[in-house]
């Protein structure tokens, strides 16, 4: 399901591009997005 969702967003992507996107999101992207959202909801400093 994760691969299909990513391919829907990037229909022309090569396997290398999809693989890179999955690795990058797992290591950094998703965790940074969650941190940014969580911090923005509770911090009074921005």
ModelCIF file with pLDDT and N, C-alpha, C, O atoms, coordinates in Angstrom:
data_MODEL
#
_entry.id   MODEL 
#
_entity.id                         1 
_entity.type                       polymer 
_entity.pdbx_number_of_molecules   1 
#
_entity_poly.entity_id                      1 
_entity_poly.type                           'polypeptide(L)' 
_entity_poly.nstd_linkage                   no 
_entity_poly.nstd_monomer                   no 
_entity_poly.pdbx_seq_one_letter_code       
;(UNK)(UNK)(UNK)(UNK)(UNK)(UNK)(UNK)(UNK)(UNK)(UNK)(UNK)(UNK)(UNK)(UNK)(UNK)(UNK)
(UNK)(UNK)(UNK)(UNK)(UNK)(UNK)(UNK)(UNK)(UNK)(UNK)(UNK)(UNK)(UNK)(UNK)(UNK)(UNK)
(UNK)(UNK)(UNK)(UNK)(UNK)(UNK)(UNK)(UNK)(UNK)(UNK)(UNK)(UNK)(UNK)(UNK)
;
_entity_poly.pdbx_seq_one_letter_code_can   XXXXXXXXXXXXXXXXXXXXXXXXXXXXXXXXXXXXXXXXXXXXXX 
_entity_poly.pdbx_strand_id                 A 
#
loop_
_entity_poly_seq.entity_id 
_entity_poly_seq.num 
_entity_poly_seq.mon_id 
_entity_poly_seq.hetero 
1 1  UNK n 
1 2  UNK n 
1 3  UNK n 
1 4  UNK n 
1 5  UNK n 
1 6  UNK n 
1 7  UNK n 
1 8  UNK n 
1 9  UNK n 
1 10 UNK n 
1 11 UNK n 
1 12 UNK n 
1 13 UNK n 
1 14 UNK n 
1 15 UNK n 
1 16 UNK n 
1 17 UNK n 
1 18 UNK n 
1 19 UNK n 
1 20 UNK n 
1 21 UNK n 
1 22 UNK n 
1 23 UNK n 
1 24 UNK n 
1 25 UNK n 
1 26 UNK n 
1 27 UNK n 
1 28 UNK n 
1 29 UNK n 
1 30 UNK n 
1 31 UNK n 
1 32 UNK n 
1 33 UNK n 
1 34 UNK n 
1 35 UNK n 
1 36 UNK n 
1 37 UNK n 
1 38 UNK n 
1 39 UNK n 
1 40 UNK n 
1 41 UNK n 
1 42 UNK n 
1 43 UNK n 
1 44 UNK n 
1 45 UNK n 
1 46 UNK n 
#
_struct_asym.id          A 
_struct_asym.entity_id   1 
#
loop_
_ma_qa_metric.id 
_ma_qa_metric.mode 
_ma_qa_metric.name 
_ma_qa_metric.software_group_id 
_ma_qa_metric.type 
1 global pLDDT . pLDDT 
2 local  pLDDT . pLDDT 
#
_ma_qa_metric_global.metric_id      1 
_ma_qa_metric_global.metric_value   96.35 
_ma_qa_metric_global.model_id       1 
_ma_qa_metric_global.ordinal_id     1 
#
loop_
_ma_qa_metric_local.label_asym_id 
_ma_qa_metric_local.label_comp_id 
_ma_qa_metric_local.label_seq_id 
_ma_qa_metric_local.metric_id 
_ma_qa_metric_local.metric_value 
_ma_qa_metric_local.model_id 
_ma_qa_metric_local.ordinal_id 
A UNK 1  2 95.00 1 1  
A UNK 2  2 95.00 1 2  
A UNK 3  2 96.00 1 3  
A UNK 4  2 95.00 1 4  
A UNK 5  2 95.00 1 5  
A UNK 6  2 95.00 1 6  
A UNK 7  2 94.00 1 7  
A UNK 8  2 96.00 1 8  
A UNK 9  2 93.00 1 9  
A UNK 10 2 94.00 1 10 
A UNK 11 2 95.00 1 11 
A UNK 12 2 95.00 1 12 
A UNK 13 2 96.00 1 13 
A UNK 14 2 97.00 1 14 
A UNK 15 2 97.00 1 15 
A UNK 16 2 97.00 1 16 
A UNK 17 2 97.00 1 17 
A UNK 18 2 97.00 1 18 
A UNK 19 2 97.00 1 19 
A UNK 20 2 98.00 1 20 
A UNK 21 2 97.00 1 21 
A UNK 22 2 97.00 1 22 
A UNK 23 2 97.00 1 23 
A UNK 24 2 98.00 1 24 
A UNK 25 2 97.00 1 25 
A UNK 26 2 97.00 1 26 
A UNK 27 2 97.00 1 27 
A UNK 28 2 98.00 1 28 
A UNK 29 2 98.00 1 29 
A UNK 30 2 97.00 1 30 
A UNK 31 2 98.00 1 31 
A UNK 32 2 98.00 1 32 
A UNK 33 2 98.00 1 33 
A UNK 34 2 98.00 1 34 
A UNK 35 2 98.00 1 35 
A UNK 36 2 98.00 1 36 
A UNK 37 2 97.00 1 37 
A UNK 38 2 98.00 1 38 
A UNK 39 2 98.00 1 39 
A UNK 40 2 97.00 1 40 
A UNK 41 2 96.00 1 41 
A UNK 42 2 95.00 1 42 
A UNK 43 2 94.00 1 43 
A UNK 44 2 91.00 1 44 
A UNK 45 2 95.00 1 45 
A UNK 46 2 96.00 1 46 
#
loop_
_atom_site.group_PDB 
_atom_site.id 
_atom_site.type_symbol 
_atom_site.label_atom_id 
_atom_site.label_alt_id 
_atom_site.label_comp_id 
_atom_site.label_asym_id 
_atom_site.label_entity_id 
_atom_site.label_seq_id 
_atom_site.pdbx_PDB_ins_code 
_atom_site.Cartn_x 
_atom_site.Cartn_y 
_atom_site.Cartn_z 
_atom_site.occupancy 
_atom_site.B_iso_or_equiv 
_atom_site.pdbx_formal_charge 
_atom_site.auth_seq_id 
_atom_site.auth_comp_id 
_atom_site.auth_asym_id 
_atom_site.auth_atom_id 
_atom_site.pdbx_PDB_model_num 
ATOM 1   N N  . UNK A 1 1  ? 0.828  -1.207 0.000   1.00 95.00 ? 1  UNK A N  1 
ATOM 2   C CA . UNK A 1 1  ? 0.000  0.000  0.000   1.00 95.00 ? 1  UNK A CA 1 
ATOM 3   C C  . UNK A 1 1  ? 0.865  1.261  0.000   1.00 95.00 ? 1  UNK A C  1 
ATOM 4   O O  . UNK A 1 1  ? 0.537  2.244  -0.663  1.00 95.00 ? 1  UNK A O  1 
ATOM 5   N N  . UNK A 1 2  ? 1.963  1.227  0.742   1.00 95.00 ? 2  UNK A N  1 
ATOM 6   C CA . UNK A 1 2  ? 2.846  2.391  0.794   1.00 95.00 ? 2  UNK A CA 1 
ATOM 7   C C  . UNK A 1 2  ? 3.467  2.672  -0.567  1.00 95.00 ? 2  UNK A C  1 
ATOM 8   O O  . UNK A 1 2  ? 3.571  3.825  -0.984  1.00 95.00 ? 2  UNK A O  1 
ATOM 9   N N  . UNK A 1 3  ? 3.876  1.617  -1.255  1.00 96.00 ? 3  UNK A N  1 
ATOM 10  C CA . UNK A 1 3  ? 4.468  1.799  -2.580  1.00 96.00 ? 3  UNK A CA 1 
ATOM 11  C C  . UNK A 1 3  ? 3.432  2.321  -3.565  1.00 96.00 ? 3  UNK A C  1 
ATOM 12  O O  . UNK A 1 3  ? 3.724  3.215  -4.360  1.00 96.00 ? 3  UNK A O  1 
ATOM 13  N N  . UNK A 1 4  ? 2.239  1.774  -3.517  1.00 95.00 ? 4  UNK A N  1 
ATOM 14  C CA . UNK A 1 4  ? 1.189  2.241  -4.433  1.00 95.00 ? 4  UNK A CA 1 
ATOM 15  C C  . UNK A 1 4  ? 0.845  3.711  -4.196  1.00 95.00 ? 4  UNK A C  1 
ATOM 16  O O  . UNK A 1 4  ? 0.637  4.464  -5.147  1.00 95.00 ? 4  UNK A O  1 
ATOM 17  N N  . UNK A 1 5  ? 0.788  4.113  -2.936  1.00 95.00 ? 5  UNK A N  1 
ATOM 18  C CA . UNK A 1 5  ? 0.482  5.509  -2.625  1.00 95.00 ? 5  UNK A CA 1 
ATOM 19  C C  . UNK A 1 5  ? 1.587  6.428  -3.138  1.00 95.00 ? 5  UNK A C  1 
ATOM 20  O O  . UNK A 1 5  ? 1.314  7.504  -3.671  1.00 95.00 ? 5  UNK A O  1 
ATOM 21  N N  . UNK A 1 6  ? 2.836  5.995  -2.971  1.00 95.00 ? 6  UNK A N  1 
ATOM 22  C CA . UNK A 1 6  ? 3.949  6.813  -3.446  1.00 95.00 ? 6  UNK A CA 1 
ATOM 23  C C  . UNK A 1 6  ? 3.976  6.875  -4.959  1.00 95.00 ? 6  UNK A C  1 
ATOM 24  O O  . UNK A 1 6  ? 4.259  7.925  -5.537  1.00 95.00 ? 6  UNK A O  1 
ATOM 25  N N  . UNK A 1 7  ? 3.680  5.746  -5.610  1.00 94.00 ? 7  UNK A N  1 
ATOM 26  C CA . UNK A 1 7  ? 3.682  5.735  -7.072  1.00 94.00 ? 7  UNK A CA 1 
ATOM 27  C C  . UNK A 1 7  ? 2.549  6.607  -7.626  1.00 94.00 ? 7  UNK A C  1 
ATOM 28  O O  . UNK A 1 7  ? 2.688  7.204  -8.693  1.00 94.00 ? 7  UNK A O  1 
ATOM 29  N N  . UNK A 1 8  ? 1.445  6.675  -6.907  1.00 96.00 ? 8  UNK A N  1 
ATOM 30  C CA . UNK A 1 8  ? 0.344  7.536  -7.342  1.00 96.00 ? 8  UNK A CA 1 
ATOM 31  C C  . UNK A 1 8  ? 0.744  9.009  -7.302  1.00 96.00 ? 8  UNK A C  1 
ATOM 32  O O  . UNK A 1 8  ? 0.318  9.806  -8.139  1.00 96.00 ? 8  UNK A O  1 
ATOM 33  N N  . UNK A 1 9  ? 1.569  9.353  -6.316  1.00 93.00 ? 9  UNK A N  1 
ATOM 34  C CA . UNK A 1 9  ? 2.043  10.734 -6.219  1.00 93.00 ? 9  UNK A CA 1 
ATOM 35  C C  . UNK A 1 9  ? 3.107  11.043 -7.264  1.00 93.00 ? 9  UNK A C  1 
ATOM 36  O O  . UNK A 1 9  ? 3.226  12.179 -7.723  1.00 93.00 ? 9  UNK A O  1 
ATOM 37  N N  . UNK A 1 10 ? 3.891  10.010 -7.641  1.00 94.00 ? 10 UNK A N  1 
ATOM 38  C CA . UNK A 1 10 ? 4.999  10.210 -8.578  1.00 94.00 ? 10 UNK A CA 1 
ATOM 39  C C  . UNK A 1 10 ? 4.928  9.129  -9.662  1.00 94.00 ? 10 UNK A C  1 
ATOM 40  O O  . UNK A 1 10 ? 5.738  8.202  -9.660  1.00 94.00 ? 10 UNK A O  1 
ATOM 41  N N  . UNK A 1 11 ? 3.982  9.237  -10.573 1.00 95.00 ? 11 UNK A N  1 
ATOM 42  C CA . UNK A 1 11 ? 3.760  8.148  -11.543 1.00 95.00 ? 11 UNK A CA 1 
ATOM 43  C C  . UNK A 1 11 ? 4.924  7.913  -12.497 1.00 95.00 ? 11 UNK A C  1 
ATOM 44  O O  . UNK A 1 11 ? 5.041  6.823  -13.057 1.00 95.00 ? 11 UNK A O  1 
ATOM 45  N N  . UNK A 1 12 ? 5.782  8.897  -12.696 1.00 95.00 ? 12 UNK A N  1 
ATOM 46  C CA . UNK A 1 12 ? 6.900  8.737  -13.619 1.00 95.00 ? 12 UNK A CA 1 
ATOM 47  C C  . UNK A 1 12 ? 8.197  8.342  -12.912 1.00 95.00 ? 12 UNK A C  1 
ATOM 48  O O  . UNK A 1 12 ? 9.241  8.238  -13.555 1.00 95.00 ? 12 UNK A O  1 
ATOM 49  N N  . UNK A 1 13 ? 8.142  8.123  -11.610 1.00 96.00 ? 13 UNK A N  1 
ATOM 50  C CA . UNK A 1 13 ? 9.358  7.847  -10.846 1.00 96.00 ? 13 UNK A CA 1 
ATOM 51  C C  . UNK A 1 13 ? 9.947  6.489  -11.198 1.00 96.00 ? 13 UNK A C  1 
ATOM 52  O O  . UNK A 1 13 ? 9.219  5.526  -11.441 1.00 96.00 ? 13 UNK A O  1 
ATOM 53  N N  . UNK A 1 14 ? 11.260 6.426  -11.222 1.00 97.00 ? 14 UNK A N  1 
ATOM 54  C CA . UNK A 1 14 ? 11.956 5.164  -11.437 1.00 97.00 ? 14 UNK A CA 1 
ATOM 55  C C  . UNK A 1 14 ? 11.979 4.372  -10.131 1.00 97.00 ? 14 UNK A C  1 
ATOM 56  O O  . UNK A 1 14 ? 11.710 4.931  -9.067  1.00 97.00 ? 14 UNK A O  1 
ATOM 57  N N  . UNK A 1 15 ? 12.297 3.083  -10.198 1.00 97.00 ? 15 UNK A N  1 
ATOM 58  C CA . UNK A 1 15 ? 12.445 2.323  -8.941  1.00 97.00 ? 15 UNK A CA 1 
ATOM 59  C C  . UNK A 1 15 ? 13.475 2.936  -7.996  1.00 97.00 ? 15 UNK A C  1 
ATOM 60  O O  . UNK A 1 15 ? 13.279 2.933  -6.781  1.00 97.00 ? 15 UNK A O  1 
ATOM 61  N N  . UNK A 1 16 ? 14.563 3.456  -8.540  1.00 97.00 ? 16 UNK A N  1 
ATOM 62  C CA . UNK A 1 16 ? 15.560 4.089  -7.690  1.00 97.00 ? 16 UNK A CA 1 
ATOM 63  C C  . UNK A 1 16 ? 15.005 5.314  -6.980  1.00 97.00 ? 16 UNK A C  1 
ATOM 64  O O  . UNK A 1 16 ? 15.282 5.531  -5.801  1.00 97.00 ? 16 UNK A O  1 
ATOM 65  N N  . UNK A 1 17 ? 14.229 6.108  -7.692  1.00 97.00 ? 17 UNK A N  1 
ATOM 66  C CA . UNK A 1 17 ? 13.634 7.293  -7.079  1.00 97.00 ? 17 UNK A CA 1 
ATOM 67  C C  . UNK A 1 17 ? 12.620 6.911  -6.010  1.00 97.00 ? 17 UNK A C  1 
ATOM 68  O O  . UNK A 1 17 ? 12.561 7.546  -4.957  1.00 97.00 ? 17 UNK A O  1 
ATOM 69  N N  . UNK A 1 18 ? 11.837 5.897  -6.267  1.00 97.00 ? 18 UNK A N  1 
ATOM 70  C CA . UNK A 1 18 ? 10.868 5.441  -5.260  1.00 97.00 ? 18 UNK A CA 1 
ATOM 71  C C  . UNK A 1 18 ? 11.576 4.883  -4.031  1.00 97.00 ? 18 UNK A C  1 
ATOM 72  O O  . UNK A 1 18 ? 11.194 5.164  -2.895  1.00 97.00 ? 18 UNK A O  1 
ATOM 73  N N  . UNK A 1 19 ? 12.599 4.101  -4.277  1.00 97.00 ? 19 UNK A N  1 
ATOM 74  C CA . UNK A 1 19 ? 13.349 3.512  -3.160  1.00 97.00 ? 19 UNK A CA 1 
ATOM 75  C C  . UNK A 1 19 ? 13.999 4.607  -2.317  1.00 97.00 ? 19 UNK A C  1 
ATOM 76  O O  . UNK A 1 19 ? 13.959 4.551  -1.088  1.00 97.00 ? 19 UNK A O  1 
ATOM 77  N N  . UNK A 1 20 ? 14.597 5.599  -2.971  1.00 98.00 ? 20 UNK A N  1 
ATOM 78  C CA . UNK A 1 20 ? 15.217 6.711  -2.268  1.00 98.00 ? 20 UNK A CA 1 
ATOM 79  C C  . UNK A 1 20 ? 14.186 7.479  -1.446  1.00 98.00 ? 20 UNK A C  1 
ATOM 80  O O  . UNK A 1 20 ? 14.442 7.845  -0.298  1.00 98.00 ? 20 UNK A O  1 
ATOM 81  N N  . UNK A 1 21 ? 13.023 7.719  -2.042  1.00 97.00 ? 21 UNK A N  1 
ATOM 82  C CA . UNK A 1 21 ? 11.977 8.464  -1.334  1.00 97.00 ? 21 UNK A CA 1 
ATOM 83  C C  . UNK A 1 21 ? 11.500 7.708  -0.102  1.00 97.00 ? 21 UNK A C  1 
ATOM 84  O O  . UNK A 1 21 ? 11.255 8.316  0.940   1.00 97.00 ? 21 UNK A O  1 
ATOM 85  N N  . UNK A 1 22 ? 11.367 6.395  -0.210  1.00 97.00 ? 22 UNK A N  1 
ATOM 86  C CA . UNK A 1 22 ? 10.928 5.590  0.930   1.00 97.00 ? 22 UNK A CA 1 
ATOM 87  C C  . UNK A 1 22 ? 11.965 5.619  2.053   1.00 97.00 ? 22 UNK A C  1 
ATOM 88  O O  . UNK A 1 22 ? 11.614 5.758  3.225   1.00 97.00 ? 22 UNK A O  1 
ATOM 89  N N  . UNK A 1 23 ? 13.243 5.487  1.691   1.00 97.00 ? 23 UNK A N  1 
ATOM 90  C CA . UNK A 1 23 ? 14.302 5.510  2.699   1.00 97.00 ? 23 UNK A CA 1 
ATOM 91  C C  . UNK A 1 23 ? 14.371 6.884  3.369   1.00 97.00 ? 23 UNK A C  1 
ATOM 92  O O  . UNK A 1 23 ? 14.441 6.985  4.594   1.00 97.00 ? 23 UNK A O  1 
ATOM 93  N N  . UNK A 1 24 ? 14.351 7.929  2.556   1.00 98.00 ? 24 UNK A N  1 
ATOM 94  C CA . UNK A 1 24 ? 14.447 9.279  3.100   1.00 98.00 ? 24 UNK A CA 1 
ATOM 95  C C  . UNK A 1 24 ? 13.284 9.631  4.002   1.00 98.00 ? 24 UNK A C  1 
ATOM 96  O O  . UNK A 1 24 ? 13.469 10.263 5.042   1.00 98.00 ? 24 UNK A O  1 
ATOM 97  N N  . UNK A 1 25 ? 12.094 9.229  3.613   1.00 97.00 ? 25 UNK A N  1 
ATOM 98  C CA . UNK A 1 25 ? 10.921 9.532  4.435   1.00 97.00 ? 25 UNK A CA 1 
ATOM 99  C C  . UNK A 1 25 ? 10.960 8.745  5.743   1.00 97.00 ? 25 UNK A C  1 
ATOM 100 O O  . UNK A 1 25 ? 10.613 9.273  6.800   1.00 97.00 ? 25 UNK A O  1 
ATOM 101 N N  . UNK A 1 26 ? 11.383 7.484  5.670   1.00 97.00 ? 26 UNK A N  1 
ATOM 102 C CA . UNK A 1 26 ? 11.427 6.654  6.876   1.00 97.00 ? 26 UNK A CA 1 
ATOM 103 C C  . UNK A 1 26 ? 12.472 7.159  7.862   1.00 97.00 ? 26 UNK A C  1 
ATOM 104 O O  . UNK A 1 26 ? 12.230 7.189  9.069   1.00 97.00 ? 26 UNK A O  1 
ATOM 105 N N  . UNK A 1 27 ? 13.626 7.552  7.351   1.00 97.00 ? 27 UNK A N  1 
ATOM 106 C CA . UNK A 1 27 ? 14.704 7.993  8.230   1.00 97.00 ? 27 UNK A CA 1 
ATOM 107 C C  . UNK A 1 27 ? 14.480 9.386  8.784   1.00 97.00 ? 27 UNK A C  1 
ATOM 108 O O  . UNK A 1 27 ? 14.765 9.651  9.952   1.00 97.00 ? 27 UNK A O  1 
ATOM 109 N N  . UNK A 1 28 ? 13.964 10.288 7.934   1.00 98.00 ? 28 UNK A N  1 
ATOM 110 C CA . UNK A 1 28 ? 13.960 11.695 8.302   1.00 98.00 ? 28 UNK A CA 1 
ATOM 111 C C  . UNK A 1 28 ? 12.628 12.410 8.077   1.00 98.00 ? 28 UNK A C  1 
ATOM 112 O O  . UNK A 1 28 ? 12.173 13.163 8.939   1.00 98.00 ? 28 UNK A O  1 
ATOM 113 N N  . UNK A 1 29 ? 12.005 12.179 6.926   1.00 98.00 ? 29 UNK A N  1 
ATOM 114 C CA . UNK A 1 29 ? 10.843 12.974 6.544   1.00 98.00 ? 29 UNK A CA 1 
ATOM 115 C C  . UNK A 1 29 ? 9.659  12.821 7.463   1.00 98.00 ? 29 UNK A C  1 
ATOM 116 O O  . UNK A 1 29 ? 9.147  13.810 7.987   1.00 98.00 ? 29 UNK A O  1 
ATOM 117 N N  . UNK A 1 30 ? 9.212  11.590 7.670   1.00 97.00 ? 30 UNK A N  1 
ATOM 118 C CA . UNK A 1 30 ? 8.014  11.363 8.481   1.00 97.00 ? 30 UNK A CA 1 
ATOM 119 C C  . UNK A 1 30 ? 8.242  11.784 9.925   1.00 97.00 ? 30 UNK A C  1 
ATOM 120 O O  . UNK A 1 30 ? 7.371  12.401 10.539  1.00 97.00 ? 30 UNK A O  1 
ATOM 121 N N  . UNK A 1 31 ? 9.408  11.455 10.470  1.00 98.00 ? 31 UNK A N  1 
ATOM 122 C CA . UNK A 1 31 ? 9.705  11.799 11.859  1.00 98.00 ? 31 UNK A CA 1 
ATOM 123 C C  . UNK A 1 31 ? 9.882  13.284 12.080  1.00 98.00 ? 31 UNK A C  1 
ATOM 124 O O  . UNK A 1 31 ? 9.555  13.795 13.151  1.00 98.00 ? 31 UNK A O  1 
ATOM 125 N N  . UNK A 1 32 ? 10.397 13.986 11.081  1.00 98.00 ? 32 UNK A N  1 
ATOM 126 C CA . UNK A 1 32 ? 10.508 15.444 11.191  1.00 98.00 ? 32 UNK A CA 1 
ATOM 127 C C  . UNK A 1 32 ? 9.136  16.099 11.093  1.00 98.00 ? 32 UNK A C  1 
ATOM 128 O O  . UNK A 1 32 ? 8.844  17.061 11.803  1.00 98.00 ? 32 UNK A O  1 
ATOM 129 N N  . UNK A 1 33 ? 8.292  15.564 10.201  1.00 98.00 ? 33 UNK A N  1 
ATOM 130 C CA . UNK A 1 33 ? 6.945  16.115 10.066  1.00 98.00 ? 33 UNK A CA 1 
ATOM 131 C C  . UNK A 1 33 ? 6.145  15.948 11.357  1.00 98.00 ? 33 UNK A C  1 
ATOM 132 O O  . UNK A 1 33 ? 5.434  16.860 11.779  1.00 98.00 ? 33 UNK A O  1 
ATOM 133 N N  . UNK A 1 34 ? 6.268  14.779 11.976  1.00 98.00 ? 34 UNK A N  1 
ATOM 134 C CA . UNK A 1 34 ? 5.555  14.563 13.240  1.00 98.00 ? 34 UNK A CA 1 
ATOM 135 C C  . UNK A 1 34 ? 6.082  15.472 14.341  1.00 98.00 ? 34 UNK A C  1 
ATOM 136 O O  . UNK A 1 34 ? 5.312  15.991 15.149  1.00 98.00 ? 34 UNK A O  1 
ATOM 137 N N  . UNK A 1 35 ? 7.389  15.662 14.369  1.00 98.00 ? 35 UNK A N  1 
ATOM 138 C CA . UNK A 1 35 ? 7.965  16.545 15.374  1.00 98.00 ? 35 UNK A CA 1 
ATOM 139 C C  . UNK A 1 35 ? 7.521  17.989 15.150  1.00 98.00 ? 35 UNK A C  1 
ATOM 140 O O  . UNK A 1 35 ? 7.177  18.689 16.102  1.00 98.00 ? 35 UNK A O  1 
ATOM 141 N N  . UNK A 1 36 ? 7.528  18.426 13.912  1.00 98.00 ? 36 UNK A N  1 
ATOM 142 C CA . UNK A 1 36 ? 7.110  19.795 13.612  1.00 98.00 ? 36 UNK A CA 1 
ATOM 143 C C  . UNK A 1 36 ? 5.656  20.021 14.004  1.00 98.00 ? 36 UNK A C  1 
ATOM 144 O O  . UNK A 1 36 ? 5.320  21.041 14.606  1.00 98.00 ? 36 UNK A O  1 
ATOM 145 N N  . UNK A 1 37 ? 4.802  19.071 13.663  1.00 97.00 ? 37 UNK A N  1 
ATOM 146 C CA . UNK A 1 37 ? 3.397  19.223 14.010  1.00 97.00 ? 37 UNK A CA 1 
ATOM 147 C C  . UNK A 1 37 ? 3.193  19.217 15.520  1.00 97.00 ? 37 UNK A C  1 
ATOM 148 O O  . UNK A 1 37 ? 2.463  20.053 16.053  1.00 97.00 ? 37 UNK A O  1 
ATOM 149 N N  . UNK A 1 38 ? 3.834  18.279 16.211  1.00 98.00 ? 38 UNK A N  1 
ATOM 150 C CA . UNK A 1 38 ? 3.669  18.191 17.661  1.00 98.00 ? 38 UNK A CA 1 
ATOM 151 C C  . UNK A 1 38 ? 4.186  19.448 18.343  1.00 98.00 ? 38 UNK A C  1 
ATOM 152 O O  . UNK A 1 38 ? 3.541  19.970 19.252  1.00 98.00 ? 38 UNK A O  1 
ATOM 153 N N  . UNK A 1 39 ? 5.335  19.936 17.919  1.00 98.00 ? 39 UNK A N  1 
ATOM 154 C CA . UNK A 1 39 ? 5.909  21.127 18.536  1.00 98.00 ? 39 UNK A CA 1 
ATOM 155 C C  . UNK A 1 39 ? 5.051  22.357 18.264  1.00 98.00 ? 39 UNK A C  1 
ATOM 156 O O  . UNK A 1 39 ? 4.862  23.191 19.149  1.00 98.00 ? 39 UNK A O  1 
ATOM 157 N N  . UNK A 1 40 ? 4.533  22.473 17.052  1.00 97.00 ? 40 UNK A N  1 
ATOM 158 C CA . UNK A 1 40 ? 3.721  23.653 16.708  1.00 97.00 ? 40 UNK A CA 1 
ATOM 159 C C  . UNK A 1 40 ? 2.434  23.715 17.521  1.00 97.00 ? 40 UNK A C  1 
ATOM 160 O O  . UNK A 1 40 ? 1.883  24.796 17.731  1.00 97.00 ? 40 UNK A O  1 
ATOM 161 N N  . UNK A 1 41 ? 1.951  22.560 17.981  1.00 96.00 ? 41 UNK A N  1 
ATOM 162 C CA . UNK A 1 41 ? 0.703  22.526 18.739  1.00 96.00 ? 41 UNK A CA 1 
ATOM 163 C C  . UNK A 1 41 ? 0.899  22.851 20.216  1.00 96.00 ? 41 UNK A C  1 
ATOM 164 O O  . UNK A 1 41 ? -0.065 23.166 20.914  1.00 96.00 ? 41 UNK A O  1 
ATOM 165 N N  . UNK A 1 42 ? 2.146  22.776 20.701  1.00 95.00 ? 42 UNK A N  1 
ATOM 166 C CA . UNK A 1 42 ? 2.312  22.950 22.148  1.00 95.00 ? 42 UNK A CA 1 
ATOM 167 C C  . UNK A 1 42 ? 3.332  24.016 22.535  1.00 95.00 ? 42 UNK A C  1 
ATOM 168 O O  . UNK A 1 42 ? 3.397  24.394 23.705  1.00 95.00 ? 42 UNK A O  1 
ATOM 169 N N  . UNK A 1 43 ? 4.125  24.509 21.597  1.00 94.00 ? 43 UNK A N  1 
ATOM 170 C CA . UNK A 1 43 ? 5.148  25.480 21.957  1.00 94.00 ? 43 UNK A CA 1 
ATOM 171 C C  . UNK A 1 43 ? 4.629  26.905 21.839  1.00 94.00 ? 43 UNK A C  1 
ATOM 172 O O  . UNK A 1 43 ? 3.860  27.224 20.932  1.00 94.00 ? 43 UNK A O  1 
ATOM 173 N N  . UNK A 1 44 ? 5.052  27.747 22.756  1.00 91.00 ? 44 UNK A N  1 
ATOM 174 C CA . UNK A 1 44 ? 4.696  29.159 22.672  1.00 91.00 ? 44 UNK A CA 1 
ATOM 175 C C  . UNK A 1 44 ? 5.830  30.005 22.107  1.00 91.00 ? 44 UNK A C  1 
ATOM 176 O O  . UNK A 1 44 ? 5.791  31.233 22.177  1.00 91.00 ? 44 UNK A O  1 
ATOM 177 N N  . UNK A 1 45 ? 6.844  29.340 21.544  1.00 95.00 ? 45 UNK A N  1 
ATOM 178 C CA . UNK A 1 45 ? 7.990  30.051 20.989  1.00 95.00 ? 45 UNK A CA 1 
ATOM 179 C C  . UNK A 1 45 ? 8.088  29.965 19.470  1.00 95.00 ? 45 UNK A C  1 
ATOM 180 O O  . UNK A 1 45 ? 8.889  30.676 18.863  1.00 95.00 ? 45 UNK A O  1 
ATOM 181 N N  . UNK A 1 46 ? 7.292  29.110 18.854  1.00 96.00 ? 46 UNK A N  1 
ATOM 182 C CA . UNK A 1 46 ? 7.281  29.048 17.400  1.00 96.00 ? 46 UNK A CA 1 
ATOM 183 C C  . UNK A 1 46 ? 8.040  27.870 16.826  1.00 96.00 ? 46 UNK A C  1 
ATOM 184 O O  . UNK A 1 46 ? 8.102  27.711 15.607  1.00 96.00 ? 46 UNK A O  1 
#
